[in-house]
Amino acid sequence: MKDATQLRSGRRPGETTTRAQILEAARAAFGRESYEGATIRSIASAAGVDPALVIHFFKSKAGLFEAAMELPFVPAEVFPALIRGEAEEMGERFVRFYLQTWDVQPARERMLGLIRSAVSEEAAATTLRGYLVEEVFAPLASLLRLPSPELRAALVASQLIGLAFARYVLRVDQLVAASSEDLVALVGPAIQRYLSPDLPGAAGVKP
């Protein structure tokens, strides 16, 4: 059991490191137990701090989740590189980058926590939805010189999130067994369709 010299409330030296430790513990907890199951107390214990210090940094469990759910990459910085290059290979580039991100263990843990929490708790789903709209859909849509760019960005995200849910959360046998390059070849054309000028019906859909 940690004594009072180990668990302290209020400010302490090395706040940047402490905040990072809390976020690391929170991501692990949300990944294992989802938003509902994870508690401020258990996260603080895993981080080796007093629960009051978690509140000091993040104000609430919702605030902690919002900080912890940031993607392991900055979409606005990644999307331009994925869009550049051969237009007919754009869909494959999106799927390949996405799966490569999932294949890195710390990133997988973080993104598993996001998905599990969003499907189990409305507050987490609302927070994640707002984050996706602002940090994923908007940056991608701004780069698409096509009709209904917001719809196309949402379709790309829905396809990729669905793939991750089936492969990493539900662990559907066929998707787990498939190699990443197999999935790039299979799912890439679907993403490509959403990013093609002739997407049926896109021009008539208003946000």
N, C-alpha and C. Protein backbone atom coordinates (compact mmCIF):
# COMPACT_ATOMS: atom_id res chain seq x y z
N MET A 1 0.85 -1.21 0.00
CA MET A 1 0.00 0.00 0.00
C MET A 1 0.88 1.24 0.00
N LYS A 2 0.61 2.20 -0.84
CA LYS A 2 1.42 3.41 -0.94
C LYS A 2 1.14 4.32 0.25
N ASP A 3 2.24 4.87 0.86
CA ASP A 3 2.04 5.74 2.01
C ASP A 3 1.89 7.19 1.57
N ALA A 4 1.80 8.07 2.56
CA ALA A 4 1.49 9.47 2.26
C ALA A 4 2.61 10.15 1.48
N THR A 5 3.85 9.63 1.59
CA THR A 5 4.93 10.25 0.83
C THR A 5 4.86 9.90 -0.64
N GLN A 6 4.12 8.82 -0.96
CA GLN A 6 3.98 8.41 -2.35
C GLN A 6 2.73 8.96 -3.00
N LEU A 7 1.65 9.08 -2.22
CA LEU A 7 0.39 9.58 -2.73
C LEU A 7 0.16 10.98 -2.18
N ARG A 8 0.24 11.98 -3.02
CA ARG A 8 0.10 13.35 -2.55
C ARG A 8 -0.89 14.10 -3.41
N SER A 9 -1.68 14.94 -2.77
CA SER A 9 -2.61 15.77 -3.52
C SER A 9 -1.96 17.11 -3.81
N GLY A 10 -2.65 17.92 -4.64
CA GLY A 10 -2.14 19.23 -4.96
C GLY A 10 -0.99 19.17 -5.95
N ARG A 11 -0.27 20.29 -6.09
CA ARG A 11 0.82 20.38 -7.06
C ARG A 11 2.05 19.64 -6.54
N ARG A 12 2.89 19.18 -7.43
CA ARG A 12 4.14 18.56 -7.06
C ARG A 12 5.14 18.79 -8.19
N PRO A 13 6.44 18.63 -7.92
CA PRO A 13 7.44 18.83 -8.98
C PRO A 13 7.20 17.89 -10.14
N GLY A 14 7.61 18.34 -11.32
CA GLY A 14 7.48 17.50 -12.50
C GLY A 14 6.06 17.30 -12.94
N GLU A 15 5.28 18.40 -13.01
CA GLU A 15 3.86 18.27 -13.35
C GLU A 15 3.65 17.68 -14.74
N THR A 16 4.52 18.01 -15.68
CA THR A 16 4.36 17.46 -17.03
C THR A 16 4.47 15.95 -17.02
N THR A 17 5.46 15.43 -16.28
CA THR A 17 5.63 13.98 -16.16
C THR A 17 4.46 13.36 -15.45
N THR A 18 4.00 14.00 -14.38
CA THR A 18 2.87 13.47 -13.62
C THR A 18 1.62 13.40 -14.48
N ARG A 19 1.36 14.45 -15.22
CA ARG A 19 0.19 14.47 -16.10
C ARG A 19 0.28 13.34 -17.12
N ALA A 20 1.47 13.14 -17.68
CA ALA A 20 1.65 12.07 -18.66
C ALA A 20 1.42 10.70 -18.04
N GLN A 21 1.85 10.52 -16.78
CA GLN A 21 1.65 9.25 -16.09
C GLN A 21 0.16 8.99 -15.87
N ILE A 22 -0.57 10.02 -15.51
CA ILE A 22 -2.01 9.87 -15.31
C ILE A 22 -2.69 9.51 -16.63
N LEU A 23 -2.30 10.18 -17.71
CA LEU A 23 -2.89 9.89 -19.02
C LEU A 23 -2.59 8.46 -19.45
N GLU A 24 -1.37 8.01 -19.20
CA GLU A 24 -1.00 6.63 -19.56
C GLU A 24 -1.86 5.63 -18.79
N ALA A 25 -2.03 5.88 -17.49
CA ALA A 25 -2.86 4.99 -16.68
C ALA A 25 -4.31 5.04 -17.12
N ALA A 26 -4.79 6.23 -17.48
CA ALA A 26 -6.18 6.37 -17.92
C ALA A 26 -6.43 5.63 -19.23
N ARG A 27 -5.51 5.74 -20.17
CA ARG A 27 -5.68 5.05 -21.45
C ARG A 27 -5.71 3.54 -21.25
N ALA A 28 -4.86 3.04 -20.37
CA ALA A 28 -4.86 1.61 -20.09
C ALA A 28 -6.19 1.20 -19.45
N ALA A 29 -6.68 2.01 -18.51
CA ALA A 29 -7.93 1.68 -17.83
C ALA A 29 -9.13 1.75 -18.77
N PHE A 30 -9.20 2.79 -19.58
CA PHE A 30 -10.31 2.90 -20.54
C PHE A 30 -10.25 1.77 -21.56
N GLY A 31 -9.04 1.35 -21.92
CA GLY A 31 -8.89 0.25 -22.87
C GLY A 31 -9.35 -1.07 -22.30
N ARG A 32 -9.08 -1.31 -21.02
CA ARG A 32 -9.46 -2.57 -20.38
C ARG A 32 -10.93 -2.58 -19.98
N GLU A 33 -11.38 -1.48 -19.39
CA GLU A 33 -12.66 -1.49 -18.68
C GLU A 33 -13.72 -0.58 -19.28
N SER A 34 -13.40 0.19 -20.29
CA SER A 34 -14.28 1.18 -20.90
C SER A 34 -14.46 2.37 -19.96
N TYR A 35 -15.19 3.36 -20.43
CA TYR A 35 -15.40 4.59 -19.65
C TYR A 35 -16.14 4.31 -18.35
N GLU A 36 -17.17 3.50 -18.44
CA GLU A 36 -18.01 3.24 -17.27
C GLU A 36 -17.26 2.49 -16.19
N GLY A 37 -16.44 1.52 -16.57
CA GLY A 37 -15.75 0.69 -15.59
C GLY A 37 -14.56 1.35 -14.94
N ALA A 38 -13.89 2.22 -15.65
CA ALA A 38 -12.71 2.88 -15.11
C ALA A 38 -13.12 3.95 -14.10
N THR A 39 -12.38 4.08 -13.02
CA THR A 39 -12.69 5.07 -11.99
C THR A 39 -11.49 5.99 -11.77
N ILE A 40 -11.77 7.18 -11.28
CA ILE A 40 -10.71 8.12 -10.94
C ILE A 40 -9.76 7.49 -9.92
N ARG A 41 -10.32 6.81 -8.94
CA ARG A 41 -9.51 6.21 -7.88
C ARG A 41 -8.56 5.14 -8.43
N SER A 42 -9.09 4.26 -9.29
CA SER A 42 -8.24 3.19 -9.83
C SER A 42 -7.16 3.75 -10.76
N ILE A 43 -7.52 4.77 -11.52
CA ILE A 43 -6.54 5.39 -12.42
C ILE A 43 -5.45 6.08 -11.61
N ALA A 44 -5.85 6.79 -10.56
CA ALA A 44 -4.87 7.45 -9.71
C ALA A 44 -3.93 6.44 -9.06
N SER A 45 -4.49 5.33 -8.60
CA SER A 45 -3.67 4.29 -7.98
C SER A 45 -2.64 3.74 -8.97
N ALA A 46 -3.09 3.49 -10.20
CA ALA A 46 -2.17 2.96 -11.21
C ALA A 46 -1.07 3.96 -11.56
N ALA A 47 -1.41 5.25 -11.48
CA ALA A 47 -0.43 6.29 -11.79
C ALA A 47 0.45 6.64 -10.60
N GLY A 48 0.08 6.14 -9.41
CA GLY A 48 0.85 6.42 -8.21
C GLY A 48 0.64 7.81 -7.66
N VAL A 49 -0.58 8.35 -7.82
CA VAL A 49 -0.89 9.68 -7.32
C VAL A 49 -2.19 9.66 -6.52
N ASP A 50 -2.44 10.72 -5.81
CA ASP A 50 -3.70 10.87 -5.10
C ASP A 50 -4.81 11.21 -6.10
N PRO A 51 -6.04 10.70 -5.89
CA PRO A 51 -7.14 11.04 -6.80
C PRO A 51 -7.35 12.55 -6.96
N ALA A 52 -7.06 13.31 -5.90
CA ALA A 52 -7.23 14.76 -5.99
C ALA A 52 -6.33 15.38 -7.06
N LEU A 53 -5.19 14.73 -7.31
CA LEU A 53 -4.28 15.25 -8.32
C LEU A 53 -4.85 15.05 -9.72
N VAL A 54 -5.60 13.97 -9.91
CA VAL A 54 -6.26 13.74 -11.19
C VAL A 54 -7.27 14.86 -11.45
N ILE A 55 -8.05 15.18 -10.43
CA ILE A 55 -9.04 16.26 -10.55
C ILE A 55 -8.34 17.60 -10.77
N HIS A 56 -7.20 17.78 -10.12
CA HIS A 56 -6.43 19.02 -10.28
C HIS A 56 -6.07 19.24 -11.75
N PHE A 57 -5.64 18.19 -12.41
CA PHE A 57 -5.22 18.32 -13.81
C PHE A 57 -6.38 18.33 -14.80
N PHE A 58 -7.40 17.49 -14.54
CA PHE A 58 -8.41 17.23 -15.58
C PHE A 58 -9.84 17.61 -15.19
N LYS A 59 -10.04 18.06 -13.96
CA LYS A 59 -11.32 18.58 -13.48
C LYS A 59 -12.38 17.51 -13.23
N SER A 60 -12.45 16.48 -14.07
CA SER A 60 -13.49 15.46 -13.94
C SER A 60 -13.08 14.22 -14.72
N LYS A 61 -13.86 13.16 -14.54
CA LYS A 61 -13.61 11.94 -15.32
C LYS A 61 -13.81 12.22 -16.81
N ALA A 62 -14.82 13.00 -17.15
CA ALA A 62 -15.07 13.34 -18.55
C ALA A 62 -13.90 14.13 -19.13
N GLY A 63 -13.35 15.05 -18.35
CA GLY A 63 -12.20 15.81 -18.81
C GLY A 63 -10.97 14.94 -19.01
N LEU A 64 -10.80 13.96 -18.13
CA LEU A 64 -9.69 13.02 -18.27
C LEU A 64 -9.86 12.18 -19.53
N PHE A 65 -11.08 11.72 -19.78
CA PHE A 65 -11.33 10.92 -20.97
C PHE A 65 -11.06 11.72 -22.23
N GLU A 66 -11.49 12.97 -22.23
CA GLU A 66 -11.29 13.82 -23.41
C GLU A 66 -9.81 14.00 -23.70
N ALA A 67 -9.00 14.19 -22.65
CA ALA A 67 -7.56 14.35 -22.85
C ALA A 67 -6.91 13.04 -23.28
N ALA A 68 -7.39 11.93 -22.72
CA ALA A 68 -6.79 10.63 -23.00
C ALA A 68 -7.13 10.11 -24.38
N MET A 69 -8.21 10.59 -24.97
CA MET A 69 -8.67 10.00 -26.21
C MET A 69 -8.02 10.60 -27.45
N GLU A 70 -7.13 11.58 -27.28
CA GLU A 70 -6.47 12.15 -28.45
C GLU A 70 -5.77 11.04 -29.23
N LEU A 71 -5.93 11.07 -30.54
CA LEU A 71 -5.34 10.04 -31.39
C LEU A 71 -3.81 10.10 -31.32
N PRO A 72 -3.14 8.97 -31.58
CA PRO A 72 -1.67 8.94 -31.52
C PRO A 72 -1.02 9.62 -32.72
N PHE A 73 -1.79 10.29 -33.53
CA PHE A 73 -1.26 11.08 -34.64
C PHE A 73 -2.17 12.30 -34.80
N VAL A 74 -1.67 13.31 -35.47
CA VAL A 74 -2.46 14.53 -35.70
C VAL A 74 -3.06 14.44 -37.09
N PRO A 75 -4.38 14.22 -37.20
CA PRO A 75 -4.99 14.02 -38.52
C PRO A 75 -4.66 15.12 -39.52
N ALA A 76 -4.71 16.36 -39.08
CA ALA A 76 -4.46 17.47 -40.00
C ALA A 76 -3.05 17.45 -40.58
N GLU A 77 -2.12 16.79 -39.88
CA GLU A 77 -0.75 16.69 -40.38
C GLU A 77 -0.56 15.47 -41.27
N VAL A 78 -1.38 14.45 -41.07
CA VAL A 78 -1.22 13.18 -41.80
C VAL A 78 -1.99 13.19 -43.12
N PHE A 79 -3.18 13.75 -43.12
CA PHE A 79 -4.05 13.67 -44.30
C PHE A 79 -3.42 14.21 -45.59
N PRO A 80 -2.71 15.34 -45.56
CA PRO A 80 -2.15 15.83 -46.82
C PRO A 80 -1.23 14.81 -47.50
N ALA A 81 -0.42 14.10 -46.71
CA ALA A 81 0.47 13.10 -47.29
C ALA A 81 -0.30 11.92 -47.86
N LEU A 82 -1.42 11.56 -47.22
CA LEU A 82 -2.22 10.44 -47.71
C LEU A 82 -2.95 10.80 -49.00
N ILE A 83 -3.28 12.06 -49.16
CA ILE A 83 -4.02 12.50 -50.35
C ILE A 83 -3.08 12.73 -51.53
N ARG A 84 -1.85 13.16 -51.24
CA ARG A 84 -0.88 13.35 -52.33
C ARG A 84 -0.51 12.01 -52.95
N GLY A 85 -0.02 12.04 -54.15
CA GLY A 85 0.41 10.82 -54.82
C GLY A 85 -0.61 10.35 -55.83
N GLU A 86 -0.46 9.11 -56.27
CA GLU A 86 -1.35 8.55 -57.27
C GLU A 86 -2.79 8.53 -56.75
N ALA A 87 -3.69 9.18 -57.47
CA ALA A 87 -5.07 9.31 -57.01
C ALA A 87 -5.75 7.96 -56.86
N GLU A 88 -5.44 7.02 -57.75
CA GLU A 88 -6.12 5.72 -57.72
C GLU A 88 -5.64 4.83 -56.57
N GLU A 89 -4.59 5.24 -55.85
CA GLU A 89 -4.08 4.45 -54.72
C GLU A 89 -4.39 5.12 -53.39
N MET A 90 -5.18 6.19 -53.41
CA MET A 90 -5.46 6.94 -52.20
C MET A 90 -6.14 6.09 -51.14
N GLY A 91 -7.14 5.31 -51.53
CA GLY A 91 -7.85 4.47 -50.58
C GLY A 91 -6.93 3.49 -49.89
N GLU A 92 -6.02 2.89 -50.64
CA GLU A 92 -5.07 1.95 -50.06
C GLU A 92 -4.14 2.65 -49.08
N ARG A 93 -3.73 3.87 -49.39
CA ARG A 93 -2.85 4.61 -48.47
C ARG A 93 -3.55 4.87 -47.15
N PHE A 94 -4.82 5.22 -47.19
CA PHE A 94 -5.57 5.46 -45.95
C PHE A 94 -5.65 4.19 -45.11
N VAL A 95 -6.01 3.08 -45.73
CA VAL A 95 -6.16 1.82 -44.98
C VAL A 95 -4.81 1.36 -44.43
N ARG A 96 -3.76 1.45 -45.23
CA ARG A 96 -2.44 1.01 -44.79
C ARG A 96 -1.96 1.83 -43.59
N PHE A 97 -2.09 3.14 -43.67
CA PHE A 97 -1.68 3.98 -42.54
C PHE A 97 -2.48 3.64 -41.29
N TYR A 98 -3.77 3.47 -41.44
CA TYR A 98 -4.66 3.19 -40.31
C TYR A 98 -4.27 1.88 -39.64
N LEU A 99 -4.06 0.83 -40.41
CA LEU A 99 -3.70 -0.47 -39.84
C LEU A 99 -2.30 -0.44 -39.24
N GLN A 100 -1.39 0.28 -39.85
CA GLN A 100 -0.05 0.40 -39.27
C GLN A 100 -0.11 1.08 -37.91
N THR A 101 -1.00 2.06 -37.77
CA THR A 101 -1.18 2.72 -36.48
C THR A 101 -1.72 1.74 -35.44
N TRP A 102 -2.71 0.95 -35.82
CA TRP A 102 -3.28 -0.04 -34.90
C TRP A 102 -2.26 -1.11 -34.51
N ASP A 103 -1.29 -1.38 -35.35
CA ASP A 103 -0.32 -2.44 -35.08
C ASP A 103 0.74 -2.02 -34.06
N VAL A 104 0.78 -0.76 -33.67
CA VAL A 104 1.69 -0.29 -32.63
C VAL A 104 0.96 -0.38 -31.30
N GLN A 105 1.50 -1.15 -30.36
CA GLN A 105 0.75 -1.50 -29.15
C GLN A 105 0.23 -0.31 -28.35
N PRO A 106 1.04 0.71 -28.03
CA PRO A 106 0.48 1.83 -27.26
C PRO A 106 -0.69 2.51 -27.98
N ALA A 107 -0.57 2.64 -29.29
CA ALA A 107 -1.64 3.26 -30.06
C ALA A 107 -2.88 2.38 -30.06
N ARG A 108 -2.69 1.07 -30.18
CA ARG A 108 -3.84 0.16 -30.17
C ARG A 108 -4.59 0.25 -28.84
N GLU A 109 -3.85 0.28 -27.75
CA GLU A 109 -4.48 0.37 -26.43
C GLU A 109 -5.33 1.63 -26.32
N ARG A 110 -4.78 2.73 -26.81
CA ARG A 110 -5.50 4.00 -26.73
C ARG A 110 -6.78 3.96 -27.56
N MET A 111 -6.69 3.46 -28.78
CA MET A 111 -7.84 3.46 -29.67
C MET A 111 -8.88 2.42 -29.26
N LEU A 112 -8.44 1.31 -28.67
CA LEU A 112 -9.39 0.34 -28.12
C LEU A 112 -10.21 0.99 -27.01
N GLY A 113 -9.54 1.77 -26.18
CA GLY A 113 -10.26 2.46 -25.11
C GLY A 113 -11.32 3.40 -25.64
N LEU A 114 -11.00 4.10 -26.72
CA LEU A 114 -11.97 5.01 -27.32
C LEU A 114 -13.20 4.26 -27.80
N ILE A 115 -12.99 3.19 -28.55
CA ILE A 115 -14.11 2.46 -29.13
C ILE A 115 -14.95 1.78 -28.05
N ARG A 116 -14.29 1.09 -27.12
CA ARG A 116 -15.04 0.40 -26.07
C ARG A 116 -15.84 1.37 -25.21
N SER A 117 -15.25 2.50 -24.91
CA SER A 117 -15.96 3.48 -24.09
C SER A 117 -17.13 4.08 -24.84
N ALA A 118 -16.94 4.37 -26.12
CA ALA A 118 -17.99 5.01 -26.91
C ALA A 118 -19.21 4.12 -27.07
N VAL A 119 -19.01 2.80 -27.13
CA VAL A 119 -20.16 1.90 -27.31
C VAL A 119 -20.82 1.53 -25.99
N SER A 120 -20.21 1.92 -24.87
CA SER A 120 -20.78 1.52 -23.58
C SER A 120 -21.33 2.69 -22.77
N GLU A 121 -21.03 3.91 -23.17
CA GLU A 121 -21.40 5.06 -22.35
C GLU A 121 -21.71 6.25 -23.25
N GLU A 122 -22.91 6.80 -23.11
CA GLU A 122 -23.36 7.89 -23.98
C GLU A 122 -22.48 9.13 -23.84
N ALA A 123 -22.04 9.43 -22.62
CA ALA A 123 -21.19 10.60 -22.43
C ALA A 123 -19.89 10.46 -23.19
N ALA A 124 -19.32 9.26 -23.17
CA ALA A 124 -18.08 9.01 -23.91
C ALA A 124 -18.33 9.09 -25.41
N ALA A 125 -19.47 8.57 -25.86
CA ALA A 125 -19.81 8.61 -27.28
C ALA A 125 -19.96 10.06 -27.75
N THR A 126 -20.60 10.88 -26.94
CA THR A 126 -20.80 12.29 -27.30
C THR A 126 -19.46 13.01 -27.40
N THR A 127 -18.59 12.76 -26.43
CA THR A 127 -17.28 13.40 -26.43
C THR A 127 -16.46 12.96 -27.64
N LEU A 128 -16.48 11.66 -27.92
CA LEU A 128 -15.72 11.14 -29.06
C LEU A 128 -16.28 11.67 -30.38
N ARG A 129 -17.60 11.75 -30.48
CA ARG A 129 -18.23 12.26 -31.71
C ARG A 129 -17.79 13.70 -31.98
N GLY A 130 -17.79 14.51 -30.94
CA GLY A 130 -17.35 15.90 -31.11
C GLY A 130 -15.89 15.99 -31.52
N TYR A 131 -15.08 15.12 -30.94
CA TYR A 131 -13.66 15.10 -31.30
C TYR A 131 -13.47 14.71 -32.76
N LEU A 132 -14.18 13.67 -33.20
CA LEU A 132 -14.06 13.22 -34.58
C LEU A 132 -14.48 14.31 -35.56
N VAL A 133 -15.58 14.98 -35.25
CA VAL A 133 -16.07 16.03 -36.15
C VAL A 133 -15.03 17.14 -36.30
N GLU A 134 -14.45 17.57 -35.18
CA GLU A 134 -13.53 18.71 -35.21
C GLU A 134 -12.13 18.34 -35.67
N GLU A 135 -11.63 17.17 -35.23
CA GLU A 135 -10.23 16.84 -35.46
C GLU A 135 -9.99 15.87 -36.61
N VAL A 136 -11.04 15.18 -37.08
CA VAL A 136 -10.87 14.21 -38.16
C VAL A 136 -11.67 14.61 -39.39
N PHE A 137 -13.00 14.73 -39.23
CA PHE A 137 -13.85 15.02 -40.39
C PHE A 137 -13.51 16.37 -41.02
N ALA A 138 -13.40 17.41 -40.19
CA ALA A 138 -13.18 18.76 -40.73
C ALA A 138 -11.84 18.89 -41.47
N PRO A 139 -10.72 18.41 -40.88
CA PRO A 139 -9.45 18.52 -41.62
C PRO A 139 -9.46 17.75 -42.94
N LEU A 140 -10.06 16.55 -42.94
CA LEU A 140 -10.10 15.77 -44.18
C LEU A 140 -11.00 16.44 -45.20
N ALA A 141 -12.18 16.88 -44.77
CA ALA A 141 -13.12 17.52 -45.70
C ALA A 141 -12.51 18.77 -46.33
N SER A 142 -11.71 19.50 -45.57
CA SER A 142 -11.12 20.73 -46.10
C SER A 142 -10.13 20.48 -47.23
N LEU A 143 -9.63 19.25 -47.32
CA LEU A 143 -8.66 18.91 -48.36
C LEU A 143 -9.30 18.30 -49.60
N LEU A 144 -10.57 17.92 -49.49
CA LEU A 144 -11.24 17.24 -50.60
C LEU A 144 -11.90 18.27 -51.52
N ARG A 145 -11.47 18.34 -52.73
CA ARG A 145 -12.06 19.26 -53.70
C ARG A 145 -13.13 18.51 -54.49
N LEU A 146 -14.14 18.07 -53.76
CA LEU A 146 -15.19 17.21 -54.32
C LEU A 146 -16.53 17.62 -53.73
N PRO A 147 -17.65 17.25 -54.38
CA PRO A 147 -18.97 17.52 -53.79
C PRO A 147 -19.12 16.81 -52.45
N SER A 148 -19.83 17.42 -51.53
CA SER A 148 -20.14 16.83 -50.22
C SER A 148 -18.89 16.30 -49.51
N PRO A 149 -17.89 17.13 -49.29
CA PRO A 149 -16.66 16.64 -48.66
C PRO A 149 -16.87 16.14 -47.23
N GLU A 150 -17.79 16.78 -46.48
CA GLU A 150 -18.04 16.34 -45.11
C GLU A 150 -18.62 14.93 -45.08
N LEU A 151 -19.54 14.65 -46.00
CA LEU A 151 -20.12 13.31 -46.09
C LEU A 151 -19.05 12.29 -46.44
N ARG A 152 -18.20 12.61 -47.38
CA ARG A 152 -17.15 11.69 -47.79
C ARG A 152 -16.19 11.40 -46.62
N ALA A 153 -15.82 12.44 -45.88
CA ALA A 153 -14.94 12.25 -44.73
C ALA A 153 -15.59 11.34 -43.70
N ALA A 154 -16.88 11.54 -43.46
CA ALA A 154 -17.60 10.70 -42.50
C ALA A 154 -17.68 9.25 -42.98
N LEU A 155 -17.86 9.04 -44.27
CA LEU A 155 -17.91 7.69 -44.82
C LEU A 155 -16.56 6.99 -44.69
N VAL A 156 -15.49 7.70 -44.96
CA VAL A 156 -14.15 7.12 -44.79
C VAL A 156 -13.94 6.70 -43.34
N ALA A 157 -14.27 7.61 -42.42
CA ALA A 157 -14.09 7.30 -41.00
C ALA A 157 -14.96 6.13 -40.56
N SER A 158 -16.20 6.08 -41.03
CA SER A 158 -17.10 5.00 -40.62
C SER A 158 -16.58 3.65 -41.10
N GLN A 159 -16.03 3.61 -42.30
CA GLN A 159 -15.49 2.36 -42.85
C GLN A 159 -14.29 1.89 -42.01
N LEU A 160 -13.40 2.80 -41.68
CA LEU A 160 -12.20 2.44 -40.94
C LEU A 160 -12.51 2.09 -39.49
N ILE A 161 -13.40 2.85 -38.85
CA ILE A 161 -13.78 2.54 -37.48
C ILE A 161 -14.47 1.19 -37.41
N GLY A 162 -15.34 0.91 -38.38
CA GLY A 162 -16.02 -0.38 -38.42
C GLY A 162 -15.05 -1.53 -38.59
N LEU A 163 -14.03 -1.35 -39.43
CA LEU A 163 -13.01 -2.38 -39.62
C LEU A 163 -12.27 -2.63 -38.31
N ALA A 164 -11.89 -1.56 -37.63
CA ALA A 164 -11.17 -1.71 -36.37
C ALA A 164 -12.04 -2.39 -35.31
N PHE A 165 -13.31 -2.03 -35.25
CA PHE A 165 -14.21 -2.63 -34.26
C PHE A 165 -14.32 -4.14 -34.49
N ALA A 166 -14.49 -4.53 -35.75
CA ALA A 166 -14.64 -5.96 -36.06
C ALA A 166 -13.35 -6.73 -35.85
N ARG A 167 -12.22 -6.12 -36.18
CA ARG A 167 -10.95 -6.84 -36.10
C ARG A 167 -10.35 -6.85 -34.69
N TYR A 168 -10.42 -5.73 -33.99
CA TYR A 168 -9.70 -5.61 -32.73
C TYR A 168 -10.58 -5.70 -31.49
N VAL A 169 -11.86 -5.38 -31.61
CA VAL A 169 -12.76 -5.48 -30.46
C VAL A 169 -13.55 -6.78 -30.52
N LEU A 170 -14.31 -6.99 -31.59
CA LEU A 170 -15.05 -8.25 -31.74
C LEU A 170 -14.13 -9.42 -32.08
N ARG A 171 -12.99 -9.11 -32.69
CA ARG A 171 -12.01 -10.13 -33.09
C ARG A 171 -12.64 -11.19 -33.98
N VAL A 172 -13.28 -10.74 -35.04
CA VAL A 172 -13.85 -11.64 -36.04
C VAL A 172 -12.72 -12.46 -36.65
N ASP A 173 -12.86 -13.78 -36.61
CA ASP A 173 -11.76 -14.68 -36.99
C ASP A 173 -11.14 -14.35 -38.34
N GLN A 174 -11.99 -14.16 -39.33
CA GLN A 174 -11.48 -13.95 -40.69
C GLN A 174 -10.67 -12.65 -40.79
N LEU A 175 -11.10 -11.63 -40.06
CA LEU A 175 -10.39 -10.35 -40.11
C LEU A 175 -9.11 -10.39 -39.29
N VAL A 176 -9.12 -11.12 -38.19
CA VAL A 176 -7.91 -11.28 -37.39
C VAL A 176 -6.86 -12.07 -38.17
N ALA A 177 -7.32 -13.09 -38.88
CA ALA A 177 -6.40 -13.95 -39.64
C ALA A 177 -5.83 -13.26 -40.87
N ALA A 178 -6.57 -12.33 -41.43
CA ALA A 178 -6.11 -11.64 -42.64
C ALA A 178 -4.90 -10.76 -42.33
N SER A 179 -3.95 -10.72 -43.24
CA SER A 179 -2.81 -9.83 -43.06
C SER A 179 -3.24 -8.38 -43.32
N SER A 180 -2.44 -7.46 -42.83
CA SER A 180 -2.75 -6.05 -43.06
C SER A 180 -2.79 -5.73 -44.55
N GLU A 181 -1.87 -6.30 -45.32
CA GLU A 181 -1.85 -6.02 -46.76
C GLU A 181 -3.06 -6.64 -47.47
N ASP A 182 -3.54 -7.79 -46.97
CA ASP A 182 -4.77 -8.35 -47.52
C ASP A 182 -5.92 -7.36 -47.31
N LEU A 183 -5.99 -6.79 -46.11
CA LEU A 183 -7.08 -5.86 -45.80
C LEU A 183 -6.93 -4.56 -46.59
N VAL A 184 -5.70 -4.14 -46.81
CA VAL A 184 -5.47 -2.96 -47.65
C VAL A 184 -6.06 -3.19 -49.03
N ALA A 185 -5.79 -4.37 -49.58
CA ALA A 185 -6.29 -4.69 -50.93
C ALA A 185 -7.80 -4.83 -50.96
N LEU A 186 -8.39 -5.33 -49.87
CA LEU A 186 -9.83 -5.58 -49.84
C LEU A 186 -10.64 -4.34 -49.49
N VAL A 187 -10.16 -3.56 -48.54
CA VAL A 187 -10.92 -2.40 -48.04
C VAL A 187 -10.54 -1.12 -48.79
N GLY A 188 -9.34 -1.07 -49.30
CA GLY A 188 -8.89 0.12 -50.03
C GLY A 188 -9.84 0.58 -51.11
N PRO A 189 -10.39 -0.34 -51.94
CA PRO A 189 -11.32 0.10 -52.99
C PRO A 189 -12.58 0.77 -52.44
N ALA A 190 -13.04 0.35 -51.26
CA ALA A 190 -14.21 0.99 -50.67
C ALA A 190 -13.90 2.44 -50.29
N ILE A 191 -12.73 2.64 -49.67
CA ILE A 191 -12.31 4.00 -49.33
C ILE A 191 -12.11 4.82 -50.60
N GLN A 192 -11.52 4.18 -51.61
CA GLN A 192 -11.28 4.86 -52.89
C GLN A 192 -12.59 5.36 -53.49
N ARG A 193 -13.63 4.57 -53.36
CA ARG A 193 -14.93 4.95 -53.91
C ARG A 193 -15.45 6.22 -53.24
N TYR A 194 -15.29 6.31 -51.92
CA TYR A 194 -15.76 7.50 -51.21
C TYR A 194 -14.98 8.75 -51.61
N LEU A 195 -13.76 8.56 -52.09
CA LEU A 195 -12.90 9.69 -52.43
C LEU A 195 -12.84 9.96 -53.93
N SER A 196 -13.70 9.28 -54.68
CA SER A 196 -13.73 9.45 -56.13
C SER A 196 -14.77 10.50 -56.54
N PRO A 197 -14.52 11.23 -57.60
CA PRO A 197 -15.45 12.28 -58.02
C PRO A 197 -16.85 11.78 -58.34
N ASP A 198 -16.95 10.54 -58.82
CA ASP A 198 -18.24 10.04 -59.30
C ASP A 198 -19.01 9.24 -58.25
N LEU A 199 -18.86 9.57 -56.97
CA LEU A 199 -19.60 8.87 -55.93
C LEU A 199 -21.10 9.11 -56.11
N PRO A 200 -21.89 8.08 -56.38
CA PRO A 200 -23.32 8.26 -56.64
C PRO A 200 -24.04 8.89 -55.44
N GLY A 201 -24.83 9.91 -55.72
CA GLY A 201 -25.66 10.51 -54.68
C GLY A 201 -24.98 11.56 -53.83
N ALA A 202 -23.65 11.65 -53.90
CA ALA A 202 -22.94 12.57 -53.01
C ALA A 202 -23.31 14.02 -53.25
N ALA A 203 -23.50 14.39 -54.50
CA ALA A 203 -23.78 15.79 -54.82
C ALA A 203 -25.10 16.27 -54.25
N GLY A 204 -26.04 15.34 -54.03
CA GLY A 204 -27.36 15.75 -53.56
C GLY A 204 -27.54 15.72 -52.06
N VAL A 205 -26.50 15.31 -51.31
CA VAL A 205 -26.60 15.21 -49.86
C VAL A 205 -26.08 16.48 -49.22
N LYS A 206 -26.90 17.09 -48.38
CA LYS A 206 -26.50 18.31 -47.70
C LYS A 206 -26.16 18.00 -46.25
N PRO A 207 -25.11 18.64 -45.69
CA PRO A 207 -24.73 18.39 -44.30
C PRO A 207 -25.80 18.88 -43.34
